N, C-alpha and C. Protein backbone atom coordinates (compact mmCIF):
# COMPACT_ATOMS: atom_id res chain seq x y z
N UNK A 1 92.80 43.34 51.29
CA UNK A 1 92.57 43.35 52.73
C UNK A 1 93.94 44.00 53.36
N UNK A 2 94.93 43.30 53.01
CA UNK A 2 96.47 43.71 53.49
C UNK A 2 96.66 45.22 53.56
N UNK A 3 96.10 46.05 52.69
CA UNK A 3 96.19 47.43 52.45
C UNK A 3 95.52 47.78 53.87
N UNK A 4 94.55 47.62 53.57
CA UNK A 4 93.46 48.14 54.83
C UNK A 4 94.15 47.68 56.29
N UNK A 5 94.73 46.77 56.40
CA UNK A 5 95.11 46.38 57.87
C UNK A 5 96.44 47.18 58.07
N UNK A 6 97.46 47.75 57.00
CA UNK A 6 98.62 48.55 57.14
C UNK A 6 98.25 49.96 57.26
N UNK A 7 97.42 50.34 57.02
CA UNK A 7 96.94 51.96 57.10
C UNK A 7 96.16 51.68 58.87
N UNK A 8 95.54 50.87 59.36
CA UNK A 8 95.36 51.02 60.58
C UNK A 8 96.25 50.90 61.62
N UNK A 9 97.38 49.91 61.32
CA UNK A 9 98.33 49.83 62.14
C UNK A 9 98.98 51.23 62.02
N UNK A 10 99.16 52.22 61.11
CA UNK A 10 99.79 53.37 61.26
C UNK A 10 99.47 54.36 61.81
N UNK A 11 97.94 54.09 62.10
CA UNK A 11 97.41 55.27 62.98
C UNK A 11 97.25 54.63 64.48
N UNK A 12 98.29 55.49 65.16
CA UNK A 12 98.44 54.82 66.49
C UNK A 12 97.85 55.73 67.57
N UNK A 13 97.69 57.39 67.33
CA UNK A 13 97.60 58.16 68.16
C UNK A 13 98.19 58.88 68.91
N UNK A 14 98.68 59.21 70.11
CA UNK A 14 99.62 60.10 71.03
C UNK A 14 100.51 59.12 71.53
N UNK A 15 101.55 59.55 71.76
CA UNK A 15 102.77 58.80 72.99
C UNK A 15 102.50 59.35 74.23
N UNK A 16 102.67 58.72 75.02
CA UNK A 16 102.67 59.01 76.34
C UNK A 16 103.50 60.62 76.52
N UNK A 17 104.75 60.47 75.75
CA UNK A 17 105.93 61.56 76.04
C UNK A 17 105.05 62.93 75.58
N UNK A 18 104.35 62.63 74.51
CA UNK A 18 103.66 63.71 73.79
C UNK A 18 102.53 64.33 74.68
N UNK A 19 101.78 63.77 75.28
CA UNK A 19 100.65 63.91 76.37
C UNK A 19 101.48 64.59 77.11
N UNK A 20 102.47 64.03 77.55
CA UNK A 20 103.27 65.05 79.21
C UNK A 20 103.70 66.32 78.72
N UNK A 21 104.42 66.31 77.52
CA UNK A 21 104.86 67.39 77.21
C UNK A 21 103.87 68.60 77.23
N UNK A 22 102.69 68.40 76.22
CA UNK A 22 101.34 69.27 76.19
C UNK A 22 100.78 69.81 77.31
N UNK A 23 100.46 68.29 78.22
CA UNK A 23 100.09 69.19 79.48
C UNK A 23 101.19 70.25 80.55
N UNK A 24 102.33 69.61 80.34
CA UNK A 24 103.17 70.82 80.93
C UNK A 24 103.10 72.14 80.27
N UNK A 25 103.07 72.01 78.84
CA UNK A 25 102.78 73.50 78.51
C UNK A 25 101.67 74.15 78.75
N UNK A 26 100.36 73.00 79.02
CA UNK A 26 99.35 74.05 79.26
C UNK A 26 99.51 74.52 80.90
N UNK A 27 100.00 73.57 81.75
CA UNK A 27 100.38 74.21 83.03
C UNK A 27 101.30 75.41 83.02
N UNK A 28 102.08 75.34 82.19
CA UNK A 28 102.92 76.59 82.33
C UNK A 28 102.00 78.03 81.79
N UNK A 29 101.19 77.79 80.79
CA UNK A 29 100.83 78.65 80.17
C UNK A 29 99.75 79.44 81.40
N UNK A 30 99.00 78.45 82.01
CA UNK A 30 97.82 78.49 82.92
C UNK A 30 98.44 79.47 84.41
N UNK A 31 99.37 79.02 84.59
CA UNK A 31 100.36 79.67 85.59
C UNK A 31 100.64 80.96 85.39
N UNK A 32 101.07 81.46 84.12
CA UNK A 32 101.53 82.72 83.65
C UNK A 32 100.07 84.01 83.67
N UNK A 33 99.33 83.21 82.86
CA UNK A 33 97.70 83.80 82.92
C UNK A 33 97.09 84.21 84.23
N UNK A 34 97.19 83.00 85.53
CA UNK A 34 96.81 83.35 86.76
C UNK A 34 97.48 84.56 87.44
N UNK A 35 98.84 84.34 87.49
CA UNK A 35 99.67 85.50 87.81
C UNK A 35 99.52 86.69 87.37
N UNK A 36 99.17 86.62 86.04
CA UNK A 36 98.80 88.19 85.28
C UNK A 36 97.52 88.46 85.73
N UNK A 37 96.73 87.51 85.70
CA UNK A 37 95.18 88.16 86.70
C UNK A 37 95.45 88.56 87.82
N UNK A 38 96.13 87.95 88.80
CA UNK A 38 96.40 88.71 89.98
C UNK A 38 97.00 89.78 90.30
N UNK A 39 97.91 89.94 89.36
CA UNK A 39 98.60 91.33 89.23
C UNK A 39 97.68 92.63 88.68
N UNK A 40 96.75 92.11 87.67
CA UNK A 40 95.91 92.94 86.98
C UNK A 40 95.04 93.46 88.28
N UNK A 41 94.47 92.60 88.96
CA UNK A 41 93.31 92.71 90.01
C UNK A 41 94.00 93.76 91.17
N UNK A 42 95.40 93.15 91.56
CA UNK A 42 95.87 94.42 92.28
C UNK A 42 96.26 95.62 91.77
N UNK A 43 96.41 95.68 90.69
CA UNK A 43 96.61 97.02 90.00
C UNK A 43 95.43 97.94 90.01
N UNK A 44 94.60 97.16 89.69
CA UNK A 44 92.87 97.86 89.55
C UNK A 44 92.48 97.99 91.07
N UNK A 45 92.71 97.37 91.91
CA UNK A 45 92.43 97.62 93.39
C UNK A 45 93.17 98.84 94.02
N UNK A 46 94.36 99.13 93.34
CA UNK A 46 95.08 100.24 93.71
C UNK A 46 94.83 101.57 93.04
N UNK A 47 94.36 101.48 91.71
CA UNK A 47 93.80 102.61 90.97
C UNK A 47 92.51 102.92 91.72
N UNK A 48 91.44 101.84 91.97
CA UNK A 48 90.25 102.22 92.22
C UNK A 48 90.37 102.86 93.45
N UNK A 49 91.00 102.34 94.60
CA UNK A 49 91.11 103.08 95.84
C UNK A 49 91.30 104.72 95.53
N UNK A 50 92.75 104.72 95.00
CA UNK A 50 93.08 106.36 94.61
C UNK A 50 92.14 106.95 94.21
N UNK A 51 91.56 106.16 93.21
CA UNK A 51 90.70 107.73 92.41
C UNK A 51 89.51 107.86 93.58
N UNK A 52 89.09 106.60 94.01
CA UNK A 52 87.91 106.89 95.18
C UNK A 52 88.15 107.72 96.43
N UNK A 53 89.68 107.98 96.92
CA UNK A 53 90.18 108.63 97.93
C UNK A 53 90.11 109.83 97.43
N UNK A 54 90.37 110.22 95.87
CA UNK A 54 90.71 111.44 95.16
C UNK A 54 89.29 112.16 95.09
N UNK A 55 88.41 111.28 94.81
CA UNK A 55 86.93 111.74 94.80
C UNK A 55 86.33 112.33 96.21
N UNK A 56 86.61 111.47 97.25
CA UNK A 56 86.18 111.85 98.61
C UNK A 56 86.72 113.61 98.72
N UNK A 57 88.26 113.43 98.62
CA UNK A 57 89.01 114.92 99.00
C UNK A 57 88.25 115.86 97.95
N UNK A 58 87.86 115.78 96.35
CA UNK A 58 87.32 116.50 95.89
C UNK A 58 86.00 116.94 96.50
N UNK A 59 85.12 115.96 96.92
CA UNK A 59 83.71 116.32 97.30
C UNK A 59 84.18 117.23 98.80
N UNK A 60 85.04 117.05 99.52
CA UNK A 60 85.42 117.78 100.88
C UNK A 60 85.79 119.39 100.28
N UNK A 61 86.43 119.49 99.25
CA UNK A 61 86.53 120.58 98.86
C UNK A 61 85.70 121.28 98.25
N UNK A 62 85.00 121.08 97.45
CA UNK A 62 83.46 121.49 96.71
C UNK A 62 82.74 121.76 98.06
N UNK A 63 82.68 120.97 99.04
CA UNK A 63 81.45 121.38 100.11
C UNK A 63 82.07 122.84 100.68
N UNK A 64 83.27 122.74 100.99
CA UNK A 64 83.66 123.97 101.59
C UNK A 64 83.38 125.06 100.74
N UNK A 65 83.54 125.05 99.35
CA UNK A 65 83.27 126.13 98.44
C UNK A 65 81.87 126.46 98.55
N UNK A 66 81.00 125.38 98.25
CA UNK A 66 79.65 125.62 98.27
C UNK A 66 79.12 126.60 99.50
N UNK A 67 79.53 125.93 100.55
CA UNK A 67 79.10 126.62 101.77
C UNK A 67 79.62 127.78 102.46
N UNK A 68 80.72 128.33 101.32
CA UNK A 68 81.44 129.38 101.52
C UNK A 68 81.80 129.36 103.07
N UNK A 69 82.70 128.23 103.51
CA UNK A 69 82.58 128.02 105.04
C UNK A 69 83.54 128.67 105.59
N UNK A 70 83.29 129.31 106.77
CA UNK A 70 83.77 130.17 107.85
C UNK A 70 84.95 129.10 108.47
N UNK A 71 85.82 130.36 109.33
CA UNK A 71 87.01 129.34 110.34
C UNK A 71 86.01 128.33 111.24
N UNK A 72 86.56 127.22 111.46
CA UNK A 72 85.86 126.14 112.06
C UNK A 72 84.97 125.16 111.49
N UNK A 73 84.41 125.80 110.09
CA UNK A 73 83.29 125.18 109.52
C UNK A 73 83.89 124.47 108.61
N UNK A 74 85.12 124.43 108.01
CA UNK A 74 85.94 124.01 106.62
C UNK A 74 85.57 122.43 106.66
N UNK A 75 85.80 121.93 105.92
CA UNK A 75 85.86 120.47 105.23
C UNK A 75 87.14 120.29 105.29
N UNK A 76 87.35 118.64 105.83
CA UNK A 76 88.61 118.11 105.69
C UNK A 76 88.65 116.96 105.69
N UNK A 77 90.29 116.47 105.26
CA UNK A 77 90.46 115.25 105.17
C UNK A 77 91.51 114.65 105.70
N UNK A 78 91.33 113.56 106.65
CA UNK A 78 92.36 113.29 107.53
C UNK A 78 92.70 111.60 107.53
N UNK A 79 94.00 111.67 107.04
CA UNK A 79 94.74 110.04 107.03
C UNK A 79 95.25 110.05 108.31
N UNK A 80 95.72 108.73 108.93
CA UNK A 80 96.36 108.47 110.06
C UNK A 80 97.63 107.77 109.92
N UNK A 81 98.36 107.03 110.86
CA UNK A 81 99.50 106.71 110.79
C UNK A 81 99.99 105.96 109.46
N UNK A 82 101.22 105.72 108.96
CA UNK A 82 101.61 104.88 107.96
C UNK A 82 101.39 103.28 108.32
N UNK A 83 100.52 102.53 107.24
CA UNK A 83 100.27 101.26 107.63
C UNK A 83 98.98 101.07 107.45
N UNK A 84 98.13 102.45 107.84
CA UNK A 84 96.58 102.19 108.28
C UNK A 84 96.09 102.39 106.93
N UNK A 85 94.85 101.98 106.99
CA UNK A 85 93.74 101.69 105.90
C UNK A 85 92.69 102.55 105.91
N UNK A 86 92.53 103.48 107.35
CA UNK A 86 91.50 104.25 107.28
C UNK A 86 91.59 106.03 107.05
N UNK A 87 90.63 106.51 106.90
CA UNK A 87 90.66 107.90 106.61
C UNK A 87 89.30 108.51 106.82
N UNK A 88 89.33 109.83 107.43
CA UNK A 88 87.92 110.33 107.64
C UNK A 88 87.90 112.02 106.98
N UNK A 89 86.71 111.93 106.60
CA UNK A 89 86.25 113.13 105.84
C UNK A 89 85.24 113.62 106.67
N UNK A 90 85.50 115.00 106.89
CA UNK A 90 84.34 115.85 107.70
C UNK A 90 83.95 116.79 106.47
N UNK A 91 82.66 116.80 106.39
CA UNK A 91 81.99 117.77 105.61
C UNK A 91 80.45 117.76 105.77
N UNK A 92 79.52 118.59 105.16
CA UNK A 92 78.20 118.58 105.14
C UNK A 92 77.85 117.40 104.11
N UNK A 93 77.09 116.27 104.83
CA UNK A 93 76.58 115.28 104.07
C UNK A 93 75.13 115.34 103.65
N UNK A 94 74.67 116.55 103.64
CA UNK A 94 73.53 116.62 103.51
C UNK A 94 72.31 117.40 104.49
N UNK A 95 72.75 116.93 105.73
CA UNK A 95 72.17 117.27 106.97
C UNK A 95 72.24 118.83 107.36
N UNK A 96 73.35 119.64 106.80
CA UNK A 96 73.34 120.92 107.36
C UNK A 96 74.50 121.33 108.45
N UNK A 97 74.89 120.13 108.69
CA UNK A 97 76.00 120.52 109.70
C UNK A 97 77.15 119.56 109.18
N UNK A 98 78.41 119.55 109.94
CA UNK A 98 79.61 119.13 109.70
C UNK A 98 79.78 117.99 110.20
N UNK A 99 79.85 116.56 109.53
CA UNK A 99 79.83 115.14 109.97
C UNK A 99 81.20 114.57 109.48
N UNK A 100 81.76 113.91 110.56
CA UNK A 100 83.05 113.31 110.02
C UNK A 100 82.57 111.47 109.76
N UNK A 101 82.95 111.26 108.71
CA UNK A 101 82.32 109.58 108.18
C UNK A 101 83.78 109.20 107.99
N UNK A 102 83.94 107.79 108.38
CA UNK A 102 85.26 107.08 108.31
C UNK A 102 84.98 106.30 107.07
N UNK A 103 86.30 105.80 106.34
CA UNK A 103 86.17 104.92 105.32
C UNK A 103 87.64 104.41 105.09
N UNK A 104 87.64 103.33 104.56
CA UNK A 104 88.38 102.42 104.40
C UNK A 104 89.10 101.85 103.02
N UNK A 105 90.22 101.94 102.94
CA UNK A 105 90.99 101.48 101.33
C UNK A 105 90.71 99.97 101.22
N UNK A 106 90.87 99.70 99.94
CA UNK A 106 90.52 98.07 99.84
C UNK A 106 91.46 97.34 100.55
N UNK A 107 91.28 95.72 100.86
CA UNK A 107 92.27 95.11 101.45
C UNK A 107 93.74 95.25 100.75
N UNK A 108 94.80 94.95 101.43
CA UNK A 108 96.12 94.93 100.92
C UNK A 108 96.49 96.12 100.35
N UNK A 109 95.74 97.21 100.64
CA UNK A 109 96.17 98.68 100.40
C UNK A 109 96.32 99.59 102.00
N UNK A 110 97.23 100.61 101.95
CA UNK A 110 97.44 101.34 103.12
C UNK A 110 98.15 102.66 102.78
N UNK A 111 97.96 103.74 103.55
CA UNK A 111 98.70 104.92 103.61
C UNK A 111 100.18 104.94 103.88
N UNK A 112 100.90 105.11 102.96
CA UNK A 112 102.43 105.22 103.07
C UNK A 112 102.76 106.58 103.39
N UNK A 113 101.94 107.33 103.78
CA UNK A 113 102.38 108.89 104.42
C UNK A 113 102.27 109.13 105.77
N UNK A 114 102.72 109.92 106.16
CA UNK A 114 102.57 110.29 107.74
C UNK A 114 101.23 110.63 107.80
N UNK A 115 100.61 110.90 109.07
CA UNK A 115 99.37 111.19 109.34
C UNK A 115 99.20 112.60 108.92
N UNK A 116 98.03 113.06 108.46
CA UNK A 116 97.88 114.42 108.09
C UNK A 116 96.59 114.74 107.87
N UNK A 117 96.21 116.29 108.23
CA UNK A 117 94.84 116.42 108.10
C UNK A 117 94.73 117.75 107.34
N UNK A 118 94.24 117.78 106.57
CA UNK A 118 94.27 118.98 104.92
C UNK A 118 92.71 119.27 105.33
N UNK A 119 92.83 120.58 105.42
CA UNK A 119 91.89 121.61 105.77
C UNK A 119 91.56 122.36 104.45
N UNK A 120 90.12 122.49 103.96
CA UNK A 120 90.00 123.38 102.70
C UNK A 120 89.49 124.60 103.36
N UNK A 121 89.73 126.13 102.99
CA UNK A 121 89.14 127.12 103.36
C UNK A 121 87.91 127.39 102.08
N UNK A 122 86.98 128.54 102.52
CA UNK A 122 86.12 128.89 101.75
C UNK A 122 86.34 129.38 100.26
N UNK A 123 87.66 129.14 99.49
CA UNK A 123 88.05 129.11 98.28
C UNK A 123 88.58 128.18 97.62
N UNK A 124 88.34 126.70 98.77
CA UNK A 124 88.89 125.44 98.30
C UNK A 124 90.11 125.25 98.34
N UNK A 125 91.11 126.33 98.98
CA UNK A 125 92.38 126.15 98.95
C UNK A 125 92.83 125.40 100.44
N UNK A 126 94.05 125.01 100.29
CA UNK A 126 94.69 124.41 101.70
C UNK A 126 95.88 125.01 102.14
N UNK A 127 96.33 125.11 103.26
CA UNK A 127 97.72 125.82 103.52
C UNK A 127 98.83 125.28 103.00
N UNK A 128 99.07 123.96 103.01
CA UNK A 128 100.44 123.61 102.40
C UNK A 128 99.68 122.50 101.57
N UNK A 129 100.80 122.20 100.31
CA UNK A 129 100.42 121.06 99.32
C UNK A 129 100.97 120.21 100.26
N UNK A 130 99.86 118.81 99.94
CA UNK A 130 100.20 117.43 100.51
C UNK A 130 100.37 116.23 99.32
N UNK A 131 101.03 115.25 99.27
CA UNK A 131 100.95 114.17 98.73
C UNK A 131 100.68 112.97 99.54
N UNK A 132 99.47 112.28 99.19
CA UNK A 132 99.06 111.23 100.22
C UNK A 132 99.51 109.95 99.03
N UNK A 133 100.17 109.00 99.80
CA UNK A 133 100.74 107.73 99.32
C UNK A 133 99.95 106.70 99.85
N UNK A 134 99.55 105.94 98.51
CA UNK A 134 98.51 104.62 98.81
C UNK A 134 99.63 103.72 98.16
N UNK A 135 99.81 102.72 99.34
CA UNK A 135 100.79 101.66 98.85
C UNK A 135 99.87 100.22 99.01
N UNK A 136 100.46 99.58 97.85
CA UNK A 136 100.02 98.32 97.33
C UNK A 136 101.00 96.90 98.16
N UNK A 137 100.13 96.31 98.90
CA UNK A 137 101.21 95.43 99.17
C UNK A 137 101.85 94.13 98.33
N UNK A 138 100.70 93.86 97.28
CA UNK A 138 100.99 92.98 96.61
C UNK A 138 102.03 93.45 95.39
N UNK A 139 101.77 94.78 94.63
CA UNK A 139 102.48 95.30 94.23
C UNK A 139 103.88 95.81 94.10
N UNK A 140 103.85 95.86 95.59
CA UNK A 140 105.38 96.65 96.50
C UNK A 140 105.44 97.81 95.88
N UNK A 141 104.44 98.77 95.66
CA UNK A 141 104.68 100.17 95.20
C UNK A 141 103.45 101.27 95.58
N UNK A 142 103.49 102.47 95.45
CA UNK A 142 102.64 103.32 95.83
C UNK A 142 102.34 104.03 94.78
N UNK A 143 100.95 104.57 94.83
CA UNK A 143 100.43 105.31 93.70
C UNK A 143 100.20 106.87 94.71
N UNK A 144 100.38 108.20 94.18
CA UNK A 144 100.16 109.25 94.99
C UNK A 144 99.04 109.82 94.44
N UNK A 145 98.58 110.64 95.56
CA UNK A 145 97.27 111.74 95.56
C UNK A 145 97.56 112.65 95.90
N UNK A 146 97.92 113.52 94.85
CA UNK A 146 98.39 114.82 95.07
C UNK A 146 97.33 115.93 95.13
N UNK A 147 97.55 116.64 96.26
CA UNK A 147 96.65 118.01 96.73
C UNK A 147 97.43 118.92 96.70
N UNK A 148 97.19 120.30 95.81
CA UNK A 148 97.88 121.06 95.69
C UNK A 148 97.50 122.28 96.57
N UNK A 149 98.21 123.53 96.70
CA UNK A 149 98.13 124.39 97.56
C UNK A 149 96.64 125.06 97.11
N UNK A 150 96.29 125.08 95.81
CA UNK A 150 95.11 125.76 95.28
C UNK A 150 93.88 124.84 95.21
N UNK A 151 94.34 123.44 95.88
CA UNK A 151 93.04 122.52 95.98
C UNK A 151 93.06 121.43 94.63
N UNK A 152 93.98 121.71 93.75
CA UNK A 152 93.99 120.68 92.56
C UNK A 152 94.22 119.37 92.94
N UNK A 153 93.32 118.49 92.67
CA UNK A 153 93.71 116.92 92.98
C UNK A 153 94.12 116.16 91.57
N UNK A 154 95.32 115.36 91.88
CA UNK A 154 95.53 114.62 90.85
C UNK A 154 96.30 113.32 91.33
N UNK A 155 95.74 112.09 90.63
CA UNK A 155 96.11 110.72 90.97
C UNK A 155 97.23 110.30 89.94
N UNK A 156 98.33 109.74 90.34
CA UNK A 156 99.36 109.26 89.51
C UNK A 156 100.38 109.67 89.96
N UNK A 157 101.21 109.67 88.34
CA UNK A 157 102.78 110.25 88.51
C UNK A 157 102.32 111.99 87.83
N UNK A 158 100.89 112.33 87.82
CA UNK A 158 101.02 113.89 87.04
C UNK A 158 100.84 114.60 88.38
N UNK A 159 101.53 114.45 89.38
CA UNK A 159 101.12 115.69 90.22
C UNK A 159 102.26 116.69 90.04
N UNK A 160 101.78 117.91 90.55
CA UNK A 160 103.00 119.13 90.51
C UNK A 160 102.81 119.88 91.70
N UNK A 161 103.70 119.41 92.46
CA UNK A 161 103.88 120.12 93.96
C UNK A 161 104.09 121.64 93.50
N UNK A 162 103.42 122.43 94.08
CA UNK A 162 103.55 123.88 94.14
C UNK A 162 104.71 124.43 94.36
N UNK A 163 105.55 123.81 95.34
CA UNK A 163 106.89 124.67 95.85
C UNK A 163 108.01 124.21 94.51
N UNK A 164 107.81 123.28 93.32
CA UNK A 164 108.40 123.04 92.20
C UNK A 164 108.13 124.14 91.17
N UNK A 165 107.23 124.90 91.18
CA UNK A 165 106.81 125.79 90.26
C UNK A 165 107.57 126.96 90.28
N UNK A 166 108.54 127.38 89.43
CA UNK A 166 109.15 128.67 89.93
C UNK A 166 108.78 130.23 89.76
N UNK A 167 109.09 130.99 90.40
CA UNK A 167 108.48 132.33 90.68
C UNK A 167 108.58 132.81 89.15
N UNK A 168 107.60 133.41 89.23
CA UNK A 168 107.28 134.27 87.77
C UNK A 168 107.49 135.83 87.98
N UNK A 169 108.83 136.77 87.09
CA UNK A 169 109.00 137.53 86.99
C UNK A 169 108.26 138.40 86.18
N UNK A 170 107.73 139.54 86.65
CA UNK A 170 106.78 140.55 85.87
C UNK A 170 107.54 141.66 85.66
N UNK A 171 107.67 141.91 84.40
CA UNK A 171 108.65 143.33 83.46
C UNK A 171 107.51 143.94 82.88
N UNK A 172 107.32 145.30 83.12
CA UNK A 172 106.67 146.29 82.71
C UNK A 172 107.59 146.74 81.62
N UNK A 173 106.81 146.67 80.46
CA UNK A 173 107.68 147.57 79.02
C UNK A 173 107.39 148.77 79.12
N UNK A 174 108.14 149.55 78.67
CA UNK A 174 108.02 150.92 78.50
C UNK A 174 107.71 151.24 77.27
N UNK A 175 106.72 151.74 76.38
CA UNK A 175 106.78 152.11 74.99
C UNK A 175 106.80 153.82 75.05
N UNK A 176 107.50 154.16 73.78
CA UNK A 176 107.56 155.50 73.62
C UNK A 176 106.70 156.30 72.58
């Protein structure tokens, strides 16, 4: 009986200090998890808005090509002052006439570039290449949406401005 009572006394459980340390570790891990989730959500909002904007730009370009748009009937994309979140897309939405609709970026995002109107001709080209920057307040960084002079649209760091492409010299070889 004496042996049984000794084993019961040795099984005491956790001390108060062990419980406090365990709760502190759980709190720290949870804090990092919540911050990671907030950053991931902000990154997702930035990527999603940039891709949605690029999709509307591509739709406007395709509309000008499809309709073989003449002068004054071209589809266009317009952004406004830096810090604003709205943009306007003018194109044929299916009614047979050019209509302008306004859209807005997700909360916490805005355009970080000067106001600009990009108009696509009947070949889907624009007069001058332009890079729209979509800025995230939470992440403190921008994501570029590049529209090249030929109408190509890229999102992210993979833009290739036309003015950076060197001129190609064509040399005719003479054969005898």
